[in-house]
PDB file of N, CA and C in Angstrom:
ATOM      1  N   ARG A   1     -12.536  71.695 -57.630  1.00  0.00           N
ATOM      2  CA  ARG A   1     -12.215  71.106 -56.832  1.00  0.00           C
ATOM      3  C   ARG A   1     -12.725  71.550 -55.506  1.00  0.00           C
ATOM      4  N   LEU A   2     -13.392  71.340 -54.316  1.00  0.00           N
ATOM      5  CA  LEU A   2     -13.677  72.462 -52.441  1.00  0.00           C
ATOM      6  C   LEU A   2     -12.755  72.467 -52.159  1.00  0.00           C
ATOM      7  N   ARG A   3     -11.773  73.175 -52.027  1.00  0.00           N
ATOM      8  CA  ARG A   3     -10.612  73.432 -50.477  1.00  0.00           C
ATOM      9  C   ARG A   3     -11.069  73.478 -50.205  1.00  0.00           C
ATOM     10  N   HIS A   4     -12.177  73.877 -49.350  1.00  0.00           N
ATOM     11  CA  HIS A   4     -12.711  73.295 -47.306  1.00  0.00           C
ATOM     12  C   HIS A   4     -13.817  74.454 -47.174  1.00  0.00           C
ATOM     13  N   SER A   5     -14.550  73.444 -46.527  1.00  0.00           N
ATOM     14  CA  SER A   5     -15.829  73.210 -46.436  1.00  0.00           C
ATOM     15  C   SER A   5     -16.529  74.012 -45.319  1.00  0.00           C
ATOM     16  N   GLY A   6     -17.828  74.383 -44.960  1.00  0.00           N
ATOM     17  CA  GLY A   6     -18.143  75.294 -44.058  1.00  0.00           C
ATOM     18  C   GLY A   6     -17.927  74.152 -42.625  1.00  0.00           C
ATOM     19  N   GLY A   7     -18.582  74.075 -42.011  1.00  0.00           N
ATOM     20  CA  GLY A   7     -18.525  73.675 -40.313  1.00  0.00           C
ATOM     21  C   GLY A   7     -17.052  74.421 -40.314  1.00  0.00           C
ATOM     22  N   ASP A   8     -16.140  74.243 -39.481  1.00  0.00           N
ATOM     23  CA  ASP A   8     -15.047  74.605 -39.705  1.00  0.00           C
ATOM     24  C   ASP A   8     -14.965  76.970 -38.920  1.00  0.00           C
ATOM     25  N   TRP A   9     -15.341  76.435 -40.330  1.00  0.00           N
ATOM     26  CA  TRP A   9     -14.827  78.692 -40.627  1.00  0.00           C
ATOM     27  C   TRP A   9     -16.123  79.703 -41.295  1.00  0.00           C
ATOM     28  N   ASP A  10     -16.781  79.665 -41.116  1.00  0.00           N
ATOM     29  CA  ASP A  10     -17.456  80.770 -41.258  1.00  0.00           C
ATOM     30  C   ASP A  10     -18.763  79.838 -41.818  1.00  0.00           C
ATOM     31  N   GLY A  11     -19.071  78.346 -40.753  1.00  0.00           N
ATOM     32  CA  GLY A  11     -20.164  78.101 -41.379  1.00  0.00           C
ATOM     33  C   GLY A  11     -20.880  78.059 -41.850  1.00  0.00           C
ATOM     34  N   GLY A  12     -20.997  76.816 -43.604  1.00  0.00           N
ATOM     35  CA  GLY A  12     -22.052  76.760 -44.627  1.00  0.00           C
ATOM     36  C   GLY A  12     -21.160  77.656 -46.433  1.00  0.00           C
ATOM     37  N   ARG A  13     -20.025  78.209 -45.841  1.00  0.00           N
ATOM     38  CA  ARG A  13     -19.246  78.183 -47.015  1.00  0.00           C
ATOM     39  C   ARG A  13     -17.389  77.217 -47.314  1.00  0.00           C
ATOM     40  N   GLY A  14     -17.500  77.464 -48.210  1.00  0.00           N
ATOM     41  CA  GLY A  14     -16.766  76.272 -48.742  1.00  0.00           C
ATOM     42  C   GLY A  14     -15.967  76.972 -50.081  1.00  0.00           C
ATOM     43  N   ASN A  15     -14.573  76.901 -49.889  1.00  0.00           N
ATOM     44  CA  ASN A  15     -13.229  77.247 -51.648  1.00  0.00           C
ATOM     45  C   ASN A  15     -14.112  76.538 -52.418  1.00  0.00           C
ATOM     46  N   CYS A  16     -13.722  76.984 -53.774  1.00  0.00           N
ATOM     47  CA  CYS A  16     -13.603  76.426 -54.945  1.00  0.00           C
ATOM     48  C   CYS A  16     -11.859  76.860 -55.863  1.00  0.00           C
ATOM     49  N   ASP A  17     -10.896  75.742 -56.502  1.00  0.00           N
ATOM     50  CA  ASP A  17     -10.763  76.106 -57.154  1.00  0.00           C
ATOM     51  C   ASP A  17     -10.695  77.086 -59.100  1.00  0.00           C
ATOM     52  N   ALA A  18     -11.727  77.618 -58.417  1.00  0.00           N
ATOM     53  CA  ALA A  18     -12.837  77.845 -59.458  1.00  0.00           C
ATOM     54  C   ALA A  18     -12.717  79.404 -59.700  1.00  0.00           C
ATOM     55  N   GLY A  19     -11.833  80.516 -60.064  1.00  0.00           N
ATOM     56  CA  GLY A  19     -12.307  81.951 -60.018  1.00  0.00           C
ATOM     57  C   GLY A  19     -12.320  82.966 -61.478  1.00  0.00           C
ATOM     58  N   LEU A  20     -11.735  84.391 -61.917  1.00  0.00           N
ATOM     59  CA  LEU A  20     -11.942  84.150 -62.390  1.00  0.00           C
ATOM     60  C   LEU A  20     -10.447  83.894 -63.815  1.00  0.00           C
ATOM     61  N   LYS A  21      -9.915  83.429 -63.445  1.00  0.00           N
ATOM     62  CA  LYS A  21      -9.312  82.499 -64.539  1.00  0.00           C
ATOM     63  C   LYS A  21      -9.523  81.532 -65.225  1.00  0.00           C
ATOM     64  N   ALA A  22     -10.775  81.110 -64.583  1.00  0.00           N
ATOM     65  CA  ALA A  22     -11.093  80.052 -64.704  1.00  0.00           C
ATOM     66  C   ALA A  22     -12.871  80.021 -65.843  1.00  0.00           C
ATOM     67  N   LEU A  23     -13.572  81.478 -64.534  1.00  0.00           N
ATOM     68  CA  LEU A  23     -14.722  81.564 -65.441  1.00  0.00           C
ATOM     69  C   LEU A  23     -15.497  82.839 -65.717  1.00  0.00           C
ATOM     70  N   SER A  24     -15.626  83.328 -66.865  1.00  0.00           N
ATOM     71  CA  SER A  24     -16.198  84.812 -67.177  1.00  0.00           C
ATOM     72  C   SER A  24     -17.147  84.546 -66.449  1.00  0.00           C
ATOM     73  N   VAL A  25     -17.936  86.020 -65.165  1.00  0.00           N
ATOM     74  CA  VAL A  25     -18.775  85.545 -64.892  1.00  0.00           C
ATOM     75  C   VAL A  25     -19.702  87.678 -64.884  1.00  0.00           C
ATOM     76  N   ASP A  26     -19.140  88.258 -66.223  1.00  0.00           N
ATOM     77  CA  ASP A  26     -19.492  89.430 -66.760  1.00  0.00           C
ATOM     78  C   ASP A  26     -20.876  89.489 -67.110  1.00  0.00           C
ATOM     79  N   SER A  27     -21.593  88.022 -67.030  1.00  0.00           N
ATOM     80  CA  SER A  27     -22.697  87.403 -67.992  1.00  0.00           C
ATOM     81  C   SER A  27     -24.002  86.764 -66.610  1.00  0.00           C
ATOM     82  N   GLY A  28     -23.156  87.026 -64.895  1.00  0.00           N
ATOM     83  CA  GLY A  28     -23.151  86.737 -63.996  1.00  0.00           C
ATOM     84  C   GLY A  28     -22.908  84.983 -63.180  1.00  0.00           C
ATOM     85  N   LEU A  29     -22.770  84.525 -62.704  1.00  0.00           N
ATOM     86  CA  LEU A  29     -22.689  83.806 -62.003  1.00  0.00           C
ATOM     87  C   LEU A  29     -22.352  82.866 -62.138  1.00  0.00           C
ATOM     88  N   PRO A  30     -21.393  81.786 -61.977  1.00  0.00           N
ATOM     89  CA  PRO A  30     -21.786  80.274 -62.219  1.00  0.00           C
ATOM     90  C   PRO A  30     -23.165  79.529 -61.526  1.00  0.00           C
ATOM     91  N   LYS A  31     -23.611  78.304 -62.043  1.00  0.00           N
ATOM     92  CA  LYS A  31     -23.635  78.119 -61.103  1.00  0.00           C
ATOM     93  C   LYS A  31     -23.645  76.144 -60.950  1.00  0.00           C
ATOM     94  N   VAL A  32     -24.192  76.253 -59.651  1.00  0.00           N
ATOM     95  CA  VAL A  32     -23.705  74.620 -59.388  1.00  0.00           C
ATOM     96  C   VAL A  32     -24.344  73.658 -60.395  1.00  0.00           C
ATOM     97  N   PHE A  33     -23.821  72.840 -60.459  1.00  0.00           N
ATOM     98  CA  PHE A  33     -24.463  72.068 -61.897  1.00  0.00           C
ATOM     99  C   PHE A  33     -25.280  70.810 -60.984  1.00  0.00           C
ATOM    100  N   GLY A  34     -26.862  70.522 -61.095  1.00  0.00           N
ATOM    101  CA  GLY A  34     -26.896  68.998 -59.959  1.00  0.00           C
ATOM    102  C   GLY A  34     -27.256  69.608 -59.027  1.00  0.00           C
ATOM    103  N   ARG A  35     -26.838  71.175 -57.868  1.00  0.00           N
ATOM    104  CA  ARG A  35     -27.258  70.836 -56.370  1.00  0.00           C
ATOM    105  C   ARG A  35     -27.850  72.120 -55.873  1.00  0.00           C
ATOM    106  N   ASP A  36     -29.140  72.133 -55.876  1.00  0.00           N
ATOM    107  CA  ASP A  36     -28.785  73.245 -56.307  1.00  0.00           C
ATOM    108  C   ASP A  36     -29.503  74.194 -54.225  1.00  0.00           C
ATOM    109  N   ASP A  37     -28.548  72.622 -53.899  1.00  0.00           N
ATOM    110  CA  ASP A  37     -28.778  73.749 -52.338  1.00  0.00           C
ATOM    111  C   ASP A  37     -27.615  74.338 -52.364  1.00  0.00           C
ATOM    112  N   LEU A  38     -26.791  74.800 -53.325  1.00  0.00           N
ATOM    113  CA  LEU A  38     -25.774  75.290 -53.507  1.00  0.00           C
ATOM    114  C   LEU A  38     -25.246  76.669 -54.443  1.00  0.00           C
ATOM    115  N   LYS A  39     -25.082  77.732 -54.209  1.00  0.00           N
ATOM    116  CA  LYS A  39     -24.269  78.669 -54.520  1.00  0.00           C
ATOM    117  C   LYS A  39     -23.158  79.554 -54.823  1.00  0.00           C
ATOM    118  N   TYR A  40     -22.209  79.197 -56.107  1.00  0.00           N
ATOM    119  CA  TYR A  40     -21.752  79.587 -56.489  1.00  0.00           C
ATOM    120  C   TYR A  40     -21.450  81.518 -55.946  1.00  0.00           C
ATOM    121  N   ILE A  41     -20.936  82.674 -55.085  1.00  0.00           N
ATOM    122  CA  ILE A  41     -21.154  83.678 -54.652  1.00  0.00           C
ATOM    123  C   ILE A  41     -20.701  84.126 -54.866  1.00  0.00           C
ATOM    124  N   ASN A  42     -19.614  84.307 -54.601  1.00  0.00           N
ATOM    125  CA  ASN A  42     -18.255  85.529 -54.363  1.00  0.00           C
ATOM    126  C   ASN A  42     -16.897  84.502 -55.702  1.00  0.00           C
ATOM    127  N   CYS A  43     -16.192  85.720 -55.783  1.00  0.00           N
ATOM    128  CA  CYS A  43     -15.055  84.546 -56.583  1.00  0.00           C
ATOM    129  C   CYS A  43     -14.287  86.432 -57.027  1.00  0.00           C
ATOM    130  N   SER A  44     -13.124  85.597 -56.559  1.00  0.00           N
ATOM    131  CA  SER A  44     -11.359  86.022 -57.312  1.00  0.00           C
ATOM    132  C   SER A  44     -10.590  85.861 -58.077  1.00  0.00           C
ATOM    133  N   ASP A  45      -9.642  85.944 -57.777  1.00  0.00           N
ATOM    134  CA  ASP A  45      -8.733  85.591 -59.760  1.00  0.00           C
ATOM    135  C   ASP A  45      -8.414  84.089 -59.280  1.00  0.00           C
ATOM    136  N   GLU A  46      -8.963  83.111 -58.408  1.00  0.00           N
ATOM    137  CA  GLU A  46      -7.768  81.915 -58.401  1.00  0.00           C
ATOM    138  C   GLU A  46      -8.626  81.203 -57.375  1.00  0.00           C
ATOM    139  N   HIS A  47      -9.827  81.779 -56.679  1.00  0.00           N
ATOM    140  CA  HIS A  47     -10.745  80.461 -56.220  1.00  0.00           C
ATOM    141  C   HIS A  47     -12.500  81.341 -56.452  1.00  0.00           C
ATOM    142  N   GLY A  48     -12.977  80.048 -55.996  1.00  0.00           N
ATOM    143  CA  GLY A  48     -14.797  81.008 -55.836  1.00  0.00           C
ATOM    144  C   GLY A  48     -14.829  80.225 -54.519  1.00  0.00           C
ATOM    145  N   VAL A  49     -16.564  81.128 -53.916  1.00  0.00           N
ATOM    146  CA  VAL A  49     -16.767  81.032 -52.787  1.00  0.00           C
ATOM    147  C   VAL A  49     -18.588  80.859 -52.706  1.00  0.00           C
ATOM    148  N   ILE A  50     -18.766  79.257 -52.386  1.00  0.00           N
ATOM    149  CA  ILE A  50     -19.966  78.690 -52.429  1.00  0.00           C
ATOM    150  C   ILE A  50     -20.442  78.823 -51.334  1.00  0.00           C
ATOM    151  N   THR A  51     -21.821  78.691 -51.070  1.00  0.00           N
ATOM    152  CA  THR A  51     -22.936  78.758 -49.647  1.00  0.00           C
ATOM    153  C   THR A  51     -23.116  77.048 -49.852  1.00  0.00           C
ATOM    154  N   ASP A  52     -22.812  76.371 -48.571  1.00  0.00           N
ATOM    155  CA  ASP A  52     -23.107  75.596 -48.753  1.00  0.00           C
ATOM    156  C   ASP A  52     -24.025  74.809 -47.518  1.00  0.00           C
ATOM    157  N   PRO A  53     -25.348  75.312 -47.149  1.00  0.00           N
ATOM    158  CA  PRO A  53     -26.067  75.945 -45.693  1.00  0.00           C
ATOM    159  C   PRO A  53     -26.294  74.377 -44.883  1.00  0.00           C
ATOM    160  N   ASP A  54     -26.959  73.235 -45.472  1.00  0.00           N
ATOM    161  CA  ASP A  54     -26.906  71.966 -45.217  1.00  0.00           C
ATOM    162  C   ASP A  54     -25.238  71.741 -44.825  1.00  0.00           C
ATOM    163  N   GLY A  55     -24.352  71.422 -44.408  1.00  0.00           N
ATOM    164  CA  GLY A  55     -22.818  71.212 -44.107  1.00  0.00           C
ATOM    165  C   GLY A  55     -22.631  70.308 -45.321  1.00  0.00           C
ATOM    166  N   ALA A  56     -23.036  70.354 -46.762  1.00  0.00           N
ATOM    167  CA  ALA A  56     -22.698  68.561 -47.514  1.00  0.00           C
ATOM    168  C   ALA A  56     -21.904  68.665 -47.945  1.00  0.00           C
ATOM    169  N   LEU A  57     -20.598  69.162 -47.524  1.00  0.00           N
ATOM    170  CA  LEU A  57     -19.581  68.998 -48.988  1.00  0.00           C
ATOM    171  C   LEU A  57     -18.405  69.176 -48.457  1.00  0.00           C
ATOM    172  N   ARG A  58     -17.810  68.843 -48.294  1.00  0.00           N
ATOM    173  CA  ARG A  58     -16.161  67.646 -47.534  1.00  0.00           C
ATOM    174  C   ARG A  58     -15.142  67.972 -48.748  1.00  0.00           C
ATOM    175  N   LEU A  59     -13.876  68.490 -47.998  1.00  0.00           N
ATOM    176  CA  LEU A  59     -12.849  68.230 -48.819  1.00  0.00           C
ATOM    177  C   LEU A  59     -12.396  67.464 -49.622  1.00  0.00           C
ATOM    178  N   ASN A  60     -11.950  68.936 -50.822  1.00  0.00           N
ATOM    179  CA  ASN A  60     -11.872  67.457 -51.775  1.00  0.00           C
ATOM    180  C   ASN A  60     -13.236  66.706 -52.610  1.00  0.00           C
ATOM    181  N   ASP A  61     -13.798  67.077 -52.263  1.00  0.00           N
ATOM    182  CA  ASP A  61     -15.381  67.437 -53.070  1.00  0.00           C
ATOM    183  C   ASP A  61     -15.457  67.677 -54.806  1.00  0.00           C
ATOM    184  N   LYS A  62     -15.814  66.992 -55.647  1.00  0.00           N
ATOM    185  CA  LYS A  62     -15.938  67.590 -57.014  1.00  0.00           C
ATOM    186  C   LYS A  62     -17.133  67.977 -57.223  1.00  0.00           C
ATOM    187  N   LEU A  63     -17.093  69.518 -57.796  1.00  0.00           N
ATOM    188  CA  LEU A  63     -18.770  70.924 -57.893  1.00  0.00           C
ATOM    189  C   LEU A  63     -18.008  70.317 -59.253  1.00  0.00           C
ATOM    190  N   LYS A  64     -19.529  70.290 -60.400  1.00  0.00           N
ATOM    191  CA  LYS A  64     -18.822  70.923 -61.674  1.00  0.00           C
ATOM    192  C   LYS A  64     -20.486  71.998 -61.642  1.00  0.00           C
ATOM    193  N   LEU A  65     -19.744  73.276 -61.805  1.00  0.00           N
ATOM    194  CA  LEU A  65     -20.389  74.964 -62.613  1.00  0.00           C
ATOM    195  C   LEU A  65     -20.415  74.333 -63.973  1.00  0.00           C
ATOM    196  N   ILE A  66     -21.076  75.363 -64.124  1.00  0.00           N
ATOM    197  CA  ILE A  66     -21.588  75.854 -65.378  1.00  0.00           C
ATOM    198  C   ILE A  66     -21.460  77.773 -65.373  1.00  0.00           C
ATOM    199  N   PRO A  67     -21.013  78.571 -66.283  1.00  0.00           N
ATOM    200  CA  PRO A  67     -20.122  79.049 -66.704  1.00  0.00           C
ATOM    201  C   PRO A  67     -21.160  79.899 -67.298  1.00  0.00           C
ATOM    202  N   GLY A  68     -21.483  81.550 -66.344  1.00  0.00           N
ATOM    203  CA  GLY A  68     -22.582  82.187 -66.133  1.00  0.00           C
ATOM    204  C   GLY A  68     -22.973  83.157 -67.972  1.00  0.00           C
ATOM    205  N   HIS A  69     -20.913  82.929 -68.614  1.00  0.00           N
ATOM    206  CA  HIS A  69     -21.411  82.932 -69.853  1.00  0.00           C
ATOM    207  C   HIS A  69     -20.213  82.669 -70.451  1.00  0.00           C
ATOM    208  N   CYS A  70     -20.395  81.935 -71.673  1.00  0.00           N
ATOM    209  CA  CYS A  70     -19.089  80.461 -72.361  1.00  0.00           C
ATOM    210  C   CYS A  70     -18.761  81.174 -72.480  1.00  0.00           C
ATOM    211  N   ASP A  71     -18.269  81.878 -73.856  1.00  0.00           N
ATOM    212  CA  ASP A  71     -17.697  82.213 -74.628  1.00  0.00           C
ATOM    213  C   ASP A  71     -16.687  82.964 -73.989  1.00  0.00           C
ATOM    214  N   PRO A  72     -16.364  83.776 -73.405  1.00  0.00           N
ATOM    215  CA  PRO A  72     -15.220  83.821 -72.828  1.00  0.00           C
ATOM    216  C   PRO A  72     -14.340  83.034 -71.909  1.00  0.00           C
ATOM    217  N   THR A  73     -15.322  82.003 -70.883  1.00  0.00           N
ATOM    218  CA  THR A  73     -14.929  80.746 -70.687  1.00  0.00           C
ATOM    219  C   THR A  73     -14.067  79.823 -71.090  1.00  0.00           C
ATOM    220  N   CYS A  74     -14.224  79.778 -72.450  1.00  0.00           N
ATOM    221  CA  CYS A  74     -13.751  78.830 -73.921  1.00  0.00           C
ATOM    222  C   CYS A  74     -13.099  79.585 -74.052  1.00  0.00           C
ATOM    223  N   ASN A  75     -12.257  80.769 -74.568  1.00  0.00           N
ATOM    224  CA  ASN A  75     -11.614  81.488 -74.314  1.00  0.00           C
ATOM    225  C   ASN A  75     -10.090  82.119 -73.631  1.00  0.00           C
ATOM    226  N   LEU A  76     -10.315  81.078 -72.474  1.00  0.00           N
ATOM    227  CA  LEU A  76      -9.804  80.925 -71.428  1.00  0.00           C
ATOM    228  C   LEU A  76      -8.955  79.807 -71.099  1.00  0.00           C
ATOM    229  N   PHE A  77      -8.520  78.900 -71.573  1.00  0.00           N
ATOM    230  CA  PHE A  77      -8.497  77.874 -71.907  1.00  0.00           C
ATOM    231  C   PHE A  77      -8.231  77.509 -73.323  1.00  0.00           C
ATOM    232  N   ASP A  78      -6.902  76.581 -73.544  1.00  0.00           N
ATOM    233  CA  ASP A  78      -5.882  76.162 -74.611  1.00  0.00           C
ATOM    234  C   ASP A  78      -6.497  75.228 -75.331  1.00  0.00           C
ATOM    235  N   TRP A  79      -7.262  74.355 -74.814  1.00  0.00           N
ATOM    236  CA  TRP A  79      -8.230  72.780 -75.193  1.00  0.00           C
ATOM    237  C   TRP A  79      -9.158  72.738 -73.794  1.00  0.00           C
ATOM    238  N   TYR A  80     -10.093  72.022 -74.645  1.00  0.00           N
ATOM    239  CA  TYR A  80     -10.975  71.534 -73.302  1.00  0.00           C
ATOM    240  C   TYR A  80     -11.382  69.385 -73.808  1.00  0.00           C
ATOM    241  N   VAL A  81     -11.296  68.739 -72.354  1.00  0.00           N
ATOM    242  CA  VAL A  81     -11.391  67.648 -72.989  1.00  0.00           C
ATOM    243  C   VAL A  81     -12.902  67.264 -72.586  1.00  0.00           C
ATOM    244  N   GLY A  82     -12.654  66.179 -74.419  1.00  0.00           N
ATOM    245  CA  GLY A  82     -14.382  65.119 -73.885  1.00  0.00           C
ATOM    246  C   GLY A  82     -14.134  64.022 -73.317  1.00  0.00           C
ATOM    247  N   VAL A  83     -15.169  63.950 -72.704  1.00  0.00           N
ATOM    248  CA  VAL A  83     -15.907  63.264 -72.044  1.00  0.00           C
ATOM    249  C   VAL A  83     -17.026  61.972 -71.689  1.00  0.00           C
ATOM    250  N   ARG A  84     -16.823  61.310 -73.234  1.00  0.00           N
ATOM    251  CA  ARG A  84     -18.207  60.418 -72.679  1.00  0.00           C
ATOM    252  C   ARG A  84     -17.575  59.457 -71.438  1.00  0.00           C
ATOM    253  N   ASN A  85     -19.760  59.209 -70.938  1.00  0.00           N
ATOM    254  CA  ASN A  85     -19.373  58.079 -69.695  1.00  0.00           C
ATOM    255  C   ASN A  85     -18.437  57.743 -68.724  1.00  0.00           C
ATOM    256  N   GLY A  86     -17.760  59.091 -68.896  1.00  0.00           N
ATOM    257  CA  GLY A  86     -17.021  59.089 -67.787  1.00  0.00           C
ATOM    258  C   GLY A  86     -14.665  58.539 -68.182  1.00  0.00           C
ATOM    259  N   ARG A  87     -15.543  59.083 -69.599  1.00  0.00           N
ATOM    260  CA  ARG A  87     -14.280  58.454 -70.516  1.00  0.00           C
ATOM    261  C   ARG A  87     -13.588  59.647 -71.721  1.00  0.00           C
ATOM    262  N   VAL A  88     -11.994  60.136 -71.382  1.00  0.00           N
ATOM    263  CA  VAL A  88     -11.538  61.223 -72.451  1.00  0.00           C
ATOM    264  C   VAL A  88     -11.793  60.041 -73.483  1.00  0.00           C
ATOM    265  N   GLU A  89     -12.720  61.442 -74.285  1.00  0.00           N
ATOM    266  CA  GLU A  89     -12.999  60.584 -76.065  1.00  0.00           C
ATOM    267  C   GLU A  89     -11.963  61.401 -76.916  1.00  0.00           C
ATOM    268  N   SER A  90     -12.472  63.190 -76.047  1.00  0.00           N
ATOM    269  CA  SER A  90     -11.551  63.738 -77.494  1.00  0.00           C
ATOM    270  C   SER A  90     -11.033  64.837 -76.492  1.00  0.00           C
ATOM    271  N   LEU A  91     -10.018  65.844 -77.416  1.00  0.00           N
ATOM    272  CA  LEU A  91      -9.510  66.854 -76.929  1.00  0.00           C
ATOM    273  C   LEU A  91      -9.573  67.765 -77.661  1.00  0.00           C
ATOM    274  N   TRP A  92     -10.560  69.018 -78.072  1.00  0.00           N
ATOM    275  CA  TRP A  92     -10.422  69.587 -78.164  1.00  0.00           C
ATOM    276  C   TRP A  92      -9.612  71.335 -78.100  1.00  0.00           C
ATOM    277  N   PRO A  93      -8.408  71.006 -79.582  1.00  0.00           N
ATOM    278  CA  PRO A  93      -8.127  72.823 -79.159  1.00  0.00           C
ATOM    279  C   PRO A  93      -9.204  73.842 -79.031  1.00  0.00           C
ATOM    280  N   VAL A  94      -8.031  74.994 -78.539  1.00  0.00           N
ATOM    281  CA  VAL A  94      -9.294  76.453 -79.023  1.00  0.00           C
ATOM    282  C   VAL A  94      -8.597  77.360 -79.064  1.00  0.00           C
ATOM    283  N   THR A  95      -7.983  77.408 -80.994  1.00  0.00           N
ATOM    284  CA  THR A  95      -7.253  77.846 -82.205  1.00  0.00           C
ATOM    285  C   THR A  95      -6.918  78.866 -82.112  1.00  0.00           C
ATOM    286  N   ALA A  96      -8.115  79.759 -81.176  1.00  0.00           N
ATOM    287  CA  ALA A  96      -9.035  81.410 -81.290  1.00  0.00           C
ATOM    288  C   ALA A  96      -8.320  81.116 -80.232  1.00  0.00           C
ATOM    289  N   ARG A  97      -7.677  80.886 -78.551  1.00  0.00           N
ATOM    290  CA  ARG A  97      -7.586  81.539 -78.079  1.00  0.00           C
ATOM    291  C   ARG A  97      -6.623  82.998 -78.229  1.00  0.00           C
ATOM    292  N   GLY A  98      -6.990  83.861 -76.809  1.00  0.00           N
ATOM    293  CA  GLY A  98      -7.463  85.039 -76.970  1.00  0.00           C
ATOM    294  C   GLY A  98      -6.489  85.931 -78.637  1.00  0.00           C
ATOM    295  N   MET A  99      -7.052  85.444 -79.823  1.00  0.00           N
ATOM    296  CA  MET A  99      -7.109  86.187 -80.561  1.00  0.00           C
ATOM    297  C   MET A  99      -8.021  87.949 -80.393  1.00  0.00           C
ATOM    298  N   CYS A 100      -7.714  88.426 -80.878  1.00  0.00           N
ATOM    299  CA  CYS A 100      -8.173  90.152 -80.790  1.00  0.00           C
ATOM    300  C   CYS A 100      -8.270  90.679 -81.974  1.00  0.00           C
ATOM    301  N   LEU A 101      -9.346  91.232 -82.009  1.00  0.00           N
ATOM    302  CA  LEU A 101     -10.005  91.886 -83.490  1.00  0.00           C
ATOM    303  C   LEU A 101      -9.643  93.162 -84.020  1.00  0.00           C
TER     304      LEU A 101
END
């Protein structure tokens, strides 16, 4: 979810609630799904920075991010929510979360 969109601060950037605790970036930064005009450019532990050159984003807009590396991203969560046609269809536990060899 977008926390702050461009316009009144640093023109053309927004913060989102998806940083290192939500996405693995060891193989590259995430992509914004379906939005070639937006680019995820930086992150902290809890937030990401997205460029918005056209100023299209608004506070509380929801974006889908495609992780740069899916395997370690999966390990960051206890379960995944399976959604089909806008409805929750299943919950998938990540049973190996946090396991070490």
